[in-house]
Amino acid sequence: MDTHAPDHLVIRCDHYAPTLKMVGFEDGQSGSLVSRNGITMETIGSQQLYTLLEESERSERSSNTKVRNGTGHFVSSYLDLAYKIAELQFRNRDFVFLFRGQSRDFKNRSGNTSLRPTILRSASGDEIRQRYELLGQAERALIDQYRFLGAERVKRQQLIRWAILQHYEVCPTPLLDVSQSIRIAASFASMTDSSEAYFFVLGVPNISGAITASAEAGLTVLRLASVCPPDAVRPHVQEGFLLSEYPELTSLEQKGHYENYEIDFGLRLVAKFRFDPQTFWQKNEGFPPVTRQALYPSAANDPLLELAETIKRSLPSS
């Protein structure tokens, strides 16, 4: 193992797999996809995937494709959502659930929910290359200007730099924000004036340590409470996790080894819920939404925010 690796890095790999695809479960498949070197990988739903579709009265066995292609199961309140997630977690015990809230359900050309990292969204090859160049500049600036606890880790570990830049919205990265908190993810989904919000449940392998890299699943999970330094307050209060491809997509050239549809965390989707933010929080008085001010602490309460904003202003596209 690299001597500069984080203190709690867990790599799960039963076979050597230099090029791995993101897992996904499609109707009619045996429950696995094969990487370009011929290795068969575990896929979500290859065991027993229980979910709630739009018309479901109770949880039922189904596929990732049907979840992504559907409109989402409607929930009337926070406790309604929490109860249904609890049942799904009980039935899908081979997965750990992480959550993401959005004001829209973005679909790909096949009409399936698409959850892609910001650096790869809706862009040509040249635009993605420019984003990677911008990311590299932001990383160098972060290394040069970082003066807080954990400076050596920031210098040595690219994933930590990406985590900081992603959570402070400095520039696009190959990471996807998720949370272990139902309430926080639902609060993010409720931040616009839209009459409909979406809540996504993603199933990931068992999480162990600060960074869990699963070669079989083609997925890396970062637990930000363990990865981010204490002066980076925002990811801690958001109970944040980040998802990445494994191996990480460090350049546009590496992305070229994957088909476009493979780089989509929608392939980890176990369930999709929708709700009306105007009524969702009113039915359970003990569970109000987390406020924007709480999710995005000011510079007075978040020492790293000023540095992040300084780096963002210095980038060419700012």
C-alpha atoms as a PDB file:
ATOM      1  CA  MET A   1       0.000   0.000   0.000  1.00  0.00           C
ATOM      2  CA  ASP A   2       1.204   3.515  -0.729  1.00  0.00           C
ATOM      3  CA  THR A   3       2.886   5.062   2.323  1.00  0.00           C
ATOM      4  CA  HIS A   4       0.975   8.261   1.673  1.00  0.00           C
ATOM      5  CA  ALA A   5      -2.402   6.562   1.791  1.00  0.00           C
ATOM      6  CA  PRO A   6      -4.972   7.819   4.319  1.00  0.00           C
ATOM      7  CA  ASP A   7      -5.050   6.184   7.723  1.00  0.00           C
ATOM      8  CA  HIS A   8      -8.300   4.369   7.035  1.00  0.00           C
ATOM      9  CA  LEU A   9      -8.302   3.277   3.415  1.00  0.00           C
ATOM     10  CA  VAL A  10     -10.098   0.030   2.707  1.00  0.00           C
ATOM     11  CA  ILE A  11      -9.831  -1.530  -0.741  1.00  0.00           C
ATOM     12  CA  ARG A  12     -12.147  -4.421  -1.463  1.00  0.00           C
ATOM     13  CA  CYS A  13     -10.864  -6.501  -4.377  1.00  0.00           C
ATOM     14  CA  ASP A  14     -11.049 -10.242  -4.926  1.00  0.00           C
ATOM     15  CA  HIS A  15      -9.517  -9.977  -8.391  1.00  0.00           C
ATOM     16  CA  TYR A  16      -7.065  -7.653 -10.046  1.00  0.00           C
ATOM     17  CA  ALA A  17      -9.211  -5.208 -11.981  1.00  0.00           C
ATOM     18  CA  PRO A  18      -7.376  -2.336 -13.666  1.00  0.00           C
ATOM     19  CA  THR A  19     -10.390  -1.148 -15.655  1.00  0.00           C
ATOM     20  CA  LEU A  20     -13.757  -1.386 -13.970  1.00  0.00           C
ATOM     21  CA  LYS A  21     -17.221  -0.259 -14.929  1.00  0.00           C
ATOM     22  CA  MET A  22     -19.874   1.283 -12.691  1.00  0.00           C
ATOM     23  CA  VAL A  23     -22.346  -1.402 -11.746  1.00  0.00           C
ATOM     24  CA  GLY A  24     -25.979  -1.400 -12.821  1.00  0.00           C
ATOM     25  CA  PHE A  25     -28.913  -3.768 -13.075  1.00  0.00           C
ATOM     26  CA  GLU A  26     -30.946  -3.879 -16.250  1.00  0.00           C
ATOM     27  CA  ASP A  27     -34.137  -5.809 -17.015  1.00  0.00           C
ATOM     28  CA  GLY A  28     -33.433  -9.187 -18.487  1.00  0.00           C
ATOM     29  CA  GLN A  29     -29.807  -9.270 -17.404  1.00  0.00           C
ATOM     30  CA  SER A  30     -28.345 -11.868 -15.123  1.00  0.00           C
ATOM     31  CA  GLY A  31     -27.426  -9.174 -12.657  1.00  0.00           C
ATOM     32  CA  SER A  32     -23.877  -8.377 -13.682  1.00  0.00           C
ATOM     33  CA  LEU A  33     -21.839  -6.329 -16.096  1.00  0.00           C
ATOM     34  CA  VAL A  34     -18.386  -7.281 -17.305  1.00  0.00           C
ATOM     35  CA  SER A  35     -15.370  -4.983 -17.365  1.00  0.00           C
ATOM     36  CA  ARG A  36     -13.228  -4.667 -20.439  1.00  0.00           C
ATOM     37  CA  ASN A  37     -10.702  -7.139 -19.071  1.00  0.00           C
ATOM     38  CA  GLY A  38     -13.490  -9.753 -18.726  1.00  0.00           C
ATOM     39  CA  ILE A  39     -13.995  -9.642 -14.950  1.00  0.00           C
ATOM     40  CA  THR A  40     -17.562 -10.104 -13.773  1.00  0.00           C
ATOM     41  CA  MET A  41     -18.582  -7.652 -11.070  1.00  0.00           C
ATOM     42  CA  GLU A  42     -21.300  -7.571  -8.452  1.00  0.00           C
ATOM     43  CA  THR A  43     -24.267  -5.433  -9.547  1.00  0.00           C
ATOM     44  CA  ILE A  44     -26.915  -3.735  -7.506  1.00  0.00           C
ATOM     45  CA  GLY A  45     -29.999  -5.902  -7.589  1.00  0.00           C
ATOM     46  CA  SER A  46     -28.145  -9.097  -8.452  1.00  0.00           C
ATOM     47  CA  GLN A  47     -29.239 -10.325  -5.063  1.00  0.00           C
ATOM     48  CA  GLN A  48     -32.688  -9.179  -3.853  1.00  0.00           C
ATOM     49  CA  LEU A  49     -33.403  -5.550  -4.745  1.00  0.00           C
ATOM     50  CA  TYR A  50     -36.526  -4.365  -2.970  1.00  0.00           C
ATOM     51  CA  THR A  51     -37.916  -0.956  -3.855  1.00  0.00           C
ATOM     52  CA  LEU A  52     -41.063   1.153  -4.070  1.00  0.00           C
ATOM     53  CA  LEU A  53     -42.213   2.125  -7.543  1.00  0.00           C
ATOM     54  CA  GLU A  54     -44.685   4.943  -8.244  1.00  0.00           C
ATOM     55  CA  GLU A  55     -47.761   2.741  -7.825  1.00  0.00           C
ATOM     56  CA  SER A  56     -46.399   0.392  -5.154  1.00  0.00           C
ATOM     57  CA  GLU A  57     -48.521  -0.134  -2.057  1.00  0.00           C
ATOM     58  CA  ARG A  58     -45.672  -1.997  -0.348  1.00  0.00           C
ATOM     59  CA  SER A  59     -42.062  -2.785  -1.145  1.00  0.00           C
ATOM     60  CA  GLU A  60     -41.535  -5.211  -3.997  1.00  0.00           C
ATOM     61  CA  ARG A  61     -38.719  -6.832  -5.925  1.00  0.00           C
ATOM     62  CA  SER A  62     -37.801  -4.899  -9.021  1.00  0.00           C
ATOM     63  CA  SER A  63     -34.846  -3.598 -11.047  1.00  0.00           C
ATOM     64  CA  ASN A  64     -32.655  -0.537 -11.096  1.00  0.00           C
ATOM     65  CA  THR A  65     -33.947   0.278 -14.585  1.00  0.00           C
ATOM     66  CA  LYS A  66     -37.578   0.405 -13.478  1.00  0.00           C
ATOM     67  CA  VAL A  67     -36.660   2.667 -10.558  1.00  0.00           C
ATOM     68  CA  ARG A  68     -34.740   5.058 -12.802  1.00  0.00           C
ATOM     69  CA  ASN A  69     -37.356   5.062 -15.540  1.00  0.00           C
ATOM     70  CA  GLY A  70     -40.311   5.672 -13.208  1.00  0.00           C
ATOM     71  CA  THR A  71     -41.663   8.961 -11.893  1.00  0.00           C
ATOM     72  CA  GLY A  72     -40.854   8.169  -8.271  1.00  0.00           C
ATOM     73  CA  HIS A  73     -42.903   6.944  -5.308  1.00  0.00           C
ATOM     74  CA  PHE A  74     -44.833   9.806  -3.701  1.00  0.00           C
ATOM     75  CA  VAL A  75     -44.439  10.401   0.041  1.00  0.00           C
ATOM     76  CA  SER A  76     -46.642  12.808   1.960  1.00  0.00           C
ATOM     77  CA  SER A  77     -44.410  13.692   4.917  1.00  0.00           C
ATOM     78  CA  TYR A  78     -40.984  13.326   6.467  1.00  0.00           C
ATOM     79  CA  LEU A  79     -42.045  10.417   8.667  1.00  0.00           C
ATOM     80  CA  ASP A  80     -43.702   8.715   5.702  1.00  0.00           C
ATOM     81  CA  LEU A  81     -40.364   8.912   3.875  1.00  0.00           C
ATOM     82  CA  ALA A  82     -38.344   7.804   6.914  1.00  0.00           C
ATOM     83  CA  TYR A  83     -40.569   4.778   7.522  1.00  0.00           C
ATOM     84  CA  LYS A  84     -40.400   3.617   3.911  1.00  0.00           C
ATOM     85  CA  ILE A  85     -36.616   4.005   3.801  1.00  0.00           C
ATOM     86  CA  ALA A  86     -36.376   2.007   7.031  1.00  0.00           C
ATOM     87  CA  GLU A  87     -38.320  -0.844   5.426  1.00  0.00           C
ATOM     88  CA  LEU A  88     -36.162  -0.758   2.299  1.00  0.00           C
ATOM     89  CA  GLN A  89     -32.966  -0.780   4.346  1.00  0.00           C
ATOM     90  CA  PHE A  90     -34.261  -3.761   6.329  1.00  0.00           C
ATOM     91  CA  ARG A  91     -35.011  -5.676   3.138  1.00  0.00           C
ATOM     92  CA  ASN A  92     -31.861  -4.604   1.263  1.00  0.00           C
ATOM     93  CA  ARG A  93     -29.490  -5.491   4.072  1.00  0.00           C
ATOM     94  CA  ASP A  94     -26.517  -6.129   1.761  1.00  0.00           C
ATOM     95  CA  PHE A  95     -26.279  -2.417   0.969  1.00  0.00           C
ATOM     96  CA  VAL A  96     -25.611   0.725   2.974  1.00  0.00           C
ATOM     97  CA  PHE A  97     -27.963   3.555   2.015  1.00  0.00           C
ATOM     98  CA  LEU A  98     -26.798   7.074   1.176  1.00  0.00           C
ATOM     99  CA  PHE A  99     -29.156   9.851   0.108  1.00  0.00           C
ATOM    100  CA  ARG A 100     -29.311  12.752  -2.319  1.00  0.00           C
ATOM    101  CA  GLY A 101     -31.989  15.432  -2.656  1.00  0.00           C
ATOM    102  CA  GLN A 102     -32.686  17.467  -5.799  1.00  0.00           C
ATOM    103  CA  SER A 103     -35.370  19.829  -6.998  1.00  0.00           C
ATOM    104  CA  ARG A 104     -35.478  18.017 -10.365  1.00  0.00           C
ATOM    105  CA  ASP A 105     -35.171  14.497 -11.714  1.00  0.00           C
ATOM    106  CA  PHE A 106     -32.641  14.747 -14.523  1.00  0.00           C
ATOM    107  CA  LYS A 107     -33.044  12.031 -17.170  1.00  0.00           C
ATOM    108  CA  ASN A 108     -30.693  10.667 -19.811  1.00  0.00           C
ATOM    109  CA  ARG A 109     -31.619   9.977 -23.440  1.00  0.00           C
ATOM    110  CA  SER A 110     -33.148   6.653 -22.443  1.00  0.00           C
ATOM    111  CA  GLY A 111     -35.475   8.386 -19.987  1.00  0.00           C
ATOM    112  CA  ASN A 112     -33.623   7.062 -16.923  1.00  0.00           C
ATOM    113  CA  THR A 113     -32.626   9.092 -13.880  1.00  0.00           C
ATOM    114  CA  SER A 114     -29.034  10.313 -14.287  1.00  0.00           C
ATOM    115  CA  LEU A 115     -26.827  11.196 -11.299  1.00  0.00           C
ATOM    116  CA  ARG A 116     -23.523  12.352 -12.730  1.00  0.00           C
ATOM    117  CA  PRO A 117     -20.620  14.287 -11.196  1.00  0.00           C
ATOM    118  CA  THR A 118     -20.488  17.965 -12.117  1.00  0.00           C
ATOM    119  CA  ILE A 119     -17.320  17.665 -14.188  1.00  0.00           C
ATOM    120  CA  LEU A 120     -19.040  15.308 -16.647  1.00  0.00           C
ATOM    121  CA  ARG A 121     -22.457  16.925 -16.976  1.00  0.00           C
ATOM    122  CA  SER A 122     -23.785  18.110 -20.367  1.00  0.00           C
ATOM    123  CA  ALA A 123     -20.517  19.008 -22.018  1.00  0.00           C
ATOM    124  CA  SER A 124     -18.388  18.275 -25.068  1.00  0.00           C
ATOM    125  CA  GLY A 125     -14.960  16.678 -24.831  1.00  0.00           C
ATOM    126  CA  ASP A 126     -13.265  20.076 -25.069  1.00  0.00           C
ATOM    127  CA  GLU A 127     -15.429  21.476 -22.275  1.00  0.00           C
ATOM    128  CA  ILE A 128     -14.678  18.503 -20.027  1.00  0.00           C
ATOM    129  CA  ARG A 129     -10.957  18.876 -20.759  1.00  0.00           C
ATOM    130  CA  GLN A 130     -11.164  22.547 -19.718  1.00  0.00           C
ATOM    131  CA  ARG A 131     -12.931  21.538 -16.518  1.00  0.00           C
ATOM    132  CA  TYR A 132     -10.162  19.095 -15.660  1.00  0.00           C
ATOM    133  CA  GLU A 133      -7.565  21.795 -16.324  1.00  0.00           C
ATOM    134  CA  LEU A 134      -9.501  24.144 -14.036  1.00  0.00           C
ATOM    135  CA  LEU A 135      -9.637  21.438 -11.381  1.00  0.00           C
ATOM    136  CA  GLY A 136      -5.862  21.023 -11.593  1.00  0.00           C
ATOM    137  CA  GLN A 137      -5.339  24.765 -11.122  1.00  0.00           C
ATOM    138  CA  ALA A 138      -7.676  24.780  -8.135  1.00  0.00           C
ATOM    139  CA  GLU A 139      -5.830  21.833  -6.585  1.00  0.00           C
ATOM    140  CA  ARG A 140      -2.475  23.584  -6.922  1.00  0.00           C
ATOM    141  CA  ALA A 141      -3.880  26.767  -5.394  1.00  0.00           C
ATOM    142  CA  LEU A 142      -5.343  24.793  -2.486  1.00  0.00           C
ATOM    143  CA  ILE A 143      -1.993  23.116  -1.801  1.00  0.00           C
ATOM    144  CA  ASP A 144      -0.132  26.446  -1.935  1.00  0.00           C
ATOM    145  CA  GLN A 145      -2.553  28.397   0.262  1.00  0.00           C
ATOM    146  CA  TYR A 146      -3.793  25.800   2.756  1.00  0.00           C
ATOM    147  CA  ARG A 147      -2.648  26.711   6.289  1.00  0.00           C
ATOM    148  CA  PHE A 148      -4.948  24.627   8.471  1.00  0.00           C
ATOM    149  CA  LEU A 149      -4.675  21.331  10.313  1.00  0.00           C
ATOM    150  CA  GLY A 150      -4.066  18.436   7.942  1.00  0.00           C
ATOM    151  CA  ALA A 151      -1.885  20.270   5.405  1.00  0.00           C
ATOM    152  CA  GLU A 152       0.202  17.176   4.674  1.00  0.00           C
ATOM    153  CA  ARG A 153      -2.882  15.107   3.916  1.00  0.00           C
ATOM    154  CA  VAL A 154      -4.197  17.803   1.600  1.00  0.00           C
ATOM    155  CA  LYS A 155      -0.879  17.822  -0.272  1.00  0.00           C
ATOM    156  CA  ARG A 156      -0.662  14.045  -0.566  1.00  0.00           C
ATOM    157  CA  GLN A 157      -4.249  12.997  -1.199  1.00  0.00           C
ATOM    158  CA  GLN A 158      -6.029  14.102  -4.353  1.00  0.00           C
ATOM    159  CA  LEU A 159      -9.393  12.808  -3.122  1.00  0.00           C
ATOM    160  CA  ILE A 160      -9.192  15.108  -0.080  1.00  0.00           C
ATOM    161  CA  ARG A 161      -8.488  18.085  -2.331  1.00  0.00           C
ATOM    162  CA  TRP A 162     -11.407  17.119  -4.554  1.00  0.00           C
ATOM    163  CA  ALA A 163     -13.649  16.756  -1.503  1.00  0.00           C
ATOM    164  CA  ILE A 164     -12.860  20.279  -0.300  1.00  0.00           C
ATOM    165  CA  LEU A 165     -13.236  21.841  -3.755  1.00  0.00           C
ATOM    166  CA  GLN A 166     -16.489  19.980  -4.355  1.00  0.00           C
ATOM    167  CA  HIS A 167     -18.159  20.859  -1.075  1.00  0.00           C
ATOM    168  CA  TYR A 168     -17.228  24.536  -1.281  1.00  0.00           C
ATOM    169  CA  GLU A 169     -18.333  24.680  -4.939  1.00  0.00           C
ATOM    170  CA  VAL A 170     -14.983  26.010  -6.121  1.00  0.00           C
ATOM    171  CA  CYS A 171     -15.079  24.086  -9.409  1.00  0.00           C
ATOM    172  CA  PRO A 172     -16.535  20.900 -10.920  1.00  0.00           C
ATOM    173  CA  THR A 173     -15.010  17.599  -9.744  1.00  0.00           C
ATOM    174  CA  PRO A 174     -15.515  13.886 -10.532  1.00  0.00           C
ATOM    175  CA  LEU A 175     -17.337  13.433  -7.191  1.00  0.00           C
ATOM    176  CA  LEU A 176     -21.052  13.263  -6.344  1.00  0.00           C
ATOM    177  CA  ASP A 177     -22.418  14.723  -3.081  1.00  0.00           C
ATOM    178  CA  VAL A 178     -24.583  12.481  -0.926  1.00  0.00           C
ATOM    179  CA  SER A 179     -25.492  12.377   2.769  1.00  0.00           C
ATOM    180  CA  GLN A 180     -26.181   9.732   5.377  1.00  0.00           C
ATOM    181  CA  SER A 181     -28.961  11.958   6.753  1.00  0.00           C
ATOM    182  CA  ILE A 182     -32.502  11.622   5.407  1.00  0.00           C
ATOM    183  CA  ARG A 183     -33.403  15.022   6.830  1.00  0.00           C
ATOM    184  CA  ILE A 184     -30.432  16.841   5.298  1.00  0.00           C
ATOM    185  CA  ALA A 185     -30.932  15.310   1.845  1.00  0.00           C
ATOM    186  CA  ALA A 186     -34.645  16.137   1.947  1.00  0.00           C
ATOM    187  CA  SER A 187     -33.784  19.697   3.035  1.00  0.00           C
ATOM    188  CA  PHE A 188     -31.525  20.158   0.005  1.00  0.00           C
ATOM    189  CA  ALA A 189     -34.357  18.948  -2.222  1.00  0.00           C
ATOM    190  CA  SER A 190     -36.670  21.561  -0.671  1.00  0.00           C
ATOM    191  CA  MET A 191     -34.495  24.648  -1.242  1.00  0.00           C
ATOM    192  CA  THR A 192     -36.282  25.913  -4.340  1.00  0.00           C
ATOM    193  CA  ASP A 193     -39.840  27.156  -4.817  1.00  0.00           C
ATOM    194  CA  SER A 194     -40.717  24.113  -6.886  1.00  0.00           C
ATOM    195  CA  SER A 195     -43.904  22.221  -6.071  1.00  0.00           C
ATOM    196  CA  GLU A 196     -42.079  18.921  -6.447  1.00  0.00           C
ATOM    197  CA  ALA A 197     -38.805  17.619  -5.013  1.00  0.00           C
ATOM    198  CA  TYR A 198     -36.908  14.364  -5.466  1.00  0.00           C
ATOM    199  CA  PHE A 199     -35.151  12.138  -2.975  1.00  0.00           C
ATOM    200  CA  PHE A 200     -32.775   9.439  -4.203  1.00  0.00           C
ATOM    201  CA  VAL A 201     -31.675   6.355  -2.270  1.00  0.00           C
ATOM    202  CA  LEU A 202     -28.359   4.888  -3.409  1.00  0.00           C
ATOM    203  CA  GLY A 203     -27.064   1.499  -2.312  1.00  0.00           C
ATOM    204  CA  VAL A 204     -23.310   1.214  -1.735  1.00  0.00           C
ATOM    205  CA  PRO A 205     -21.056  -1.537  -0.365  1.00  0.00           C
ATOM    206  CA  ASN A 206     -20.346  -1.733   3.346  1.00  0.00           C
ATOM    207  CA  ILE A 207     -18.474   1.412   4.434  1.00  0.00           C
ATOM    208  CA  SER A 208     -15.308   0.877   6.456  1.00  0.00           C
ATOM    209  CA  GLY A 209     -12.871   3.664   7.250  1.00  0.00           C
ATOM    210  CA  ALA A 210     -12.462   7.115   5.783  1.00  0.00           C
ATOM    211  CA  ILE A 211     -12.221   5.894   2.188  1.00  0.00           C
ATOM    212  CA  THR A 212     -13.761   2.638   1.030  1.00  0.00           C
ATOM    213  CA  ALA A 213     -12.769   1.558  -2.464  1.00  0.00           C
ATOM    214  CA  SER A 214     -14.693  -1.393  -3.877  1.00  0.00           C
ATOM    215  CA  ALA A 215     -13.134  -2.832  -7.005  1.00  0.00           C
ATOM    216  CA  GLU A 216     -16.058  -5.225  -7.474  1.00  0.00           C
ATOM    217  CA  ALA A 217     -18.585  -2.381  -7.424  1.00  0.00           C
ATOM    218  CA  GLY A 218     -16.334   0.050  -9.320  1.00  0.00           C
ATOM    219  CA  LEU A 219     -17.023   2.605  -6.590  1.00  0.00           C
ATOM    220  CA  THR A 220     -15.175   4.685  -3.998  1.00  0.00           C
ATOM    221  CA  VAL A 221     -17.020   6.101  -0.970  1.00  0.00           C
ATOM    222  CA  LEU A 222     -15.517   8.998   1.021  1.00  0.00           C
ATOM    223  CA  ARG A 223     -16.781   9.647   4.536  1.00  0.00           C
ATOM    224  CA  LEU A 224     -16.179  13.372   4.900  1.00  0.00           C
ATOM    225  CA  ALA A 225     -16.257  13.404   8.704  1.00  0.00           C
ATOM    226  CA  SER A 226     -13.053  11.350   8.535  1.00  0.00           C
ATOM    227  CA  VAL A 227     -11.518  12.859   5.392  1.00  0.00           C
ATOM    228  CA  CYS A 228     -12.072  16.605   5.723  1.00  0.00           C
ATOM    229  CA  PRO A 229     -10.098  18.635   8.283  1.00  0.00           C
ATOM    230  CA  PRO A 230     -12.080  20.181  11.176  1.00  0.00           C
ATOM    231  CA  ASP A 231     -11.675  23.710   9.776  1.00  0.00           C
ATOM    232  CA  ALA A 232     -13.793  22.610   6.803  1.00  0.00           C
ATOM    233  CA  VAL A 233     -17.054  22.947   8.716  1.00  0.00           C
ATOM    234  CA  ARG A 234     -19.533  22.673   5.841  1.00  0.00           C
ATOM    235  CA  PRO A 235     -19.031  18.981   4.949  1.00  0.00           C
ATOM    236  CA  HIS A 236     -19.233  18.046   8.636  1.00  0.00           C
ATOM    237  CA  VAL A 237     -22.562  19.773   9.308  1.00  0.00           C
ATOM    238  CA  GLN A 238     -23.983  18.334   6.098  1.00  0.00           C
ATOM    239  CA  GLU A 239     -23.091  14.794   7.289  1.00  0.00           C
ATOM    240  CA  GLY A 240     -21.592  14.451   3.863  1.00  0.00           C
ATOM    241  CA  PHE A 241     -20.245  11.564   1.854  1.00  0.00           C
ATOM    242  CA  LEU A 242     -18.857  11.646  -1.674  1.00  0.00           C
ATOM    243  CA  LEU A 243     -19.022   9.000  -4.370  1.00  0.00           C
ATOM    244  CA  SER A 244     -16.391   8.444  -7.016  1.00  0.00           C
ATOM    245  CA  GLU A 245     -15.611   5.922  -9.707  1.00  0.00           C
ATOM    246  CA  TYR A 246     -12.983   3.338  -8.812  1.00  0.00           C
ATOM    247  CA  PRO A 247     -10.354   3.840 -10.078  1.00  0.00           C
ATOM    248  CA  GLU A 248     -10.879   7.606  -9.938  1.00  0.00           C
ATOM    249  CA  LEU A 249     -11.346   9.478 -13.216  1.00  0.00           C
ATOM    250  CA  THR A 250      -8.303  11.723 -12.936  1.00  0.00           C
ATOM    251  CA  SER A 251      -8.347  12.944 -16.534  1.00  0.00           C
ATOM    252  CA  LEU A 252     -10.370  13.113 -19.721  1.00  0.00           C
ATOM    253  CA  GLU A 253      -8.115  10.435 -21.187  1.00  0.00           C
ATOM    254  CA  GLN A 254      -9.080   8.007 -18.438  1.00  0.00           C
ATOM    255  CA  LYS A 255     -12.768   8.775 -19.017  1.00  0.00           C
ATOM    256  CA  GLY A 256     -12.217   7.574 -22.575  1.00  0.00           C
ATOM    257  CA  HIS A 257     -11.934   4.018 -21.267  1.00  0.00           C
ATOM    258  CA  TYR A 258     -15.622   4.103 -20.280  1.00  0.00           C
ATOM    259  CA  GLU A 259     -18.832   4.336 -22.214  1.00  0.00           C
ATOM    260  CA  ASN A 260     -20.797   7.464 -21.365  1.00  0.00           C
ATOM    261  CA  TYR A 261     -23.685   5.589 -19.722  1.00  0.00           C
ATOM    262  CA  GLU A 262     -21.317   3.763 -17.367  1.00  0.00           C
ATOM    263  CA  ILE A 263     -20.240   6.908 -15.512  1.00  0.00           C
ATOM    264  CA  ASP A 264     -23.564   7.498 -13.820  1.00  0.00           C
ATOM    265  CA  PHE A 265     -24.375   6.928 -10.170  1.00  0.00           C
ATOM    266  CA  GLY A 266     -27.971   6.366 -11.188  1.00  0.00           C
ATOM    267  CA  LEU A 267     -26.731   2.793 -11.613  1.00  0.00           C
ATOM    268  CA  ARG A 268     -26.623   2.574  -7.802  1.00  0.00           C
ATOM    269  CA  LEU A 269     -30.217   3.748  -7.376  1.00  0.00           C
ATOM    270  CA  VAL A 270     -32.367   1.572  -5.105  1.00  0.00           C
ATOM    271  CA  ALA A 271     -35.372   3.898  -4.798  1.00  0.00           C
ATOM    272  CA  LYS A 272     -36.651   7.270  -5.969  1.00  0.00           C
ATOM    273  CA  PHE A 273     -39.168   9.334  -4.002  1.00  0.00           C
ATOM    274  CA  ARG A 274     -40.931  12.578  -4.786  1.00  0.00           C
ATOM    275  CA  PHE A 275     -42.766  14.976  -2.494  1.00  0.00           C
ATOM    276  CA  ASP A 276     -44.318  18.434  -2.283  1.00  0.00           C
ATOM    277  CA  PRO A 277     -41.936  20.646  -0.245  1.00  0.00           C
ATOM    278  CA  GLN A 278     -44.810  22.968   0.664  1.00  0.00           C
ATOM    279  CA  THR A 279     -46.627  20.279   2.659  1.00  0.00           C
ATOM    280  CA  PHE A 280     -43.967  17.647   3.303  1.00  0.00           C
ATOM    281  CA  TRP A 281     -42.530  19.332   6.421  1.00  0.00           C
ATOM    282  CA  GLN A 282     -45.807  20.621   7.853  1.00  0.00           C
ATOM    283  CA  LYS A 283     -47.289  17.246   8.772  1.00  0.00           C
ATOM    284  CA  ASN A 284     -44.589  16.367  11.334  1.00  0.00           C
ATOM    285  CA  GLU A 285     -43.872  19.345  13.583  1.00  0.00           C
ATOM    286  CA  GLY A 286     -40.928  17.650  15.265  1.00  0.00           C
ATOM    287  CA  PHE A 287     -39.007  17.375  11.993  1.00  0.00           C
ATOM    288  CA  PRO A 288     -38.525  20.810  10.389  1.00  0.00           C
ATOM    289  CA  PRO A 289     -36.193  21.234   7.406  1.00  0.00           C
ATOM    290  CA  VAL A 290     -32.570  22.147   8.034  1.00  0.00           C
ATOM    291  CA  THR A 291     -32.126  25.799   7.065  1.00  0.00           C
ATOM    292  CA  ARG A 292     -29.809  27.035   4.340  1.00  0.00           C
ATOM    293  CA  GLN A 293     -27.882  29.018   6.977  1.00  0.00           C
ATOM    294  CA  ALA A 294     -27.231  25.811   8.918  1.00  0.00           C
ATOM    295  CA  LEU A 295     -26.162  23.853   5.838  1.00  0.00           C
ATOM    296  CA  TYR A 296     -23.920  26.653   4.568  1.00  0.00           C
ATOM    297  CA  PRO A 297     -22.246  28.255   7.624  1.00  0.00           C
ATOM    298  CA  SER A 298     -20.858  31.754   7.118  1.00  0.00           C
ATOM    299  CA  ALA A 299     -17.146  32.522   7.008  1.00  0.00           C
ATOM    300  CA  ALA A 300     -17.330  33.567  10.656  1.00  0.00           C
ATOM    301  CA  ASN A 301     -18.211  29.973  11.544  1.00  0.00           C
ATOM    302  CA  ASP A 302     -16.386  28.141   8.758  1.00  0.00           C
ATOM    303  CA  PRO A 303     -12.657  28.992   8.569  1.00  0.00           C
ATOM    304  CA  LEU A 304     -12.104  27.284   5.205  1.00  0.00           C
ATOM    305  CA  LEU A 305     -14.850  29.188   3.389  1.00  0.00           C
ATOM    306  CA  GLU A 306     -12.762  32.346   2.882  1.00  0.00           C
ATOM    307  CA  LEU A 307      -9.897  30.343   1.366  1.00  0.00           C
ATOM    308  CA  ALA A 308     -12.285  28.489  -0.925  1.00  0.00           C
ATOM    309  CA  GLU A 309     -13.826  31.741  -2.158  1.00  0.00           C
ATOM    310  CA  THR A 310     -10.356  33.240  -2.711  1.00  0.00           C
ATOM    311  CA  ILE A 311      -9.322  30.259  -4.861  1.00  0.00           C
ATOM    312  CA  LYS A 312     -12.574  30.389  -6.814  1.00  0.00           C
ATOM    313  CA  ARG A 313     -12.078  34.084  -7.622  1.00  0.00           C
ATOM    314  CA  SER A 314      -8.557  33.378  -8.845  1.00  0.00           C
ATOM    315  CA  LEU A 315      -9.619  30.774 -11.422  1.00  0.00           C
ATOM    316  CA  PRO A 316      -9.835  31.870 -15.084  1.00  0.00           C
ATOM    317  CA  SER A 317     -13.559  31.214 -15.451  1.00  0.00           C
ATOM    318  CA  SER A 318     -14.474  33.132 -12.273  1.00  0.00           C
END
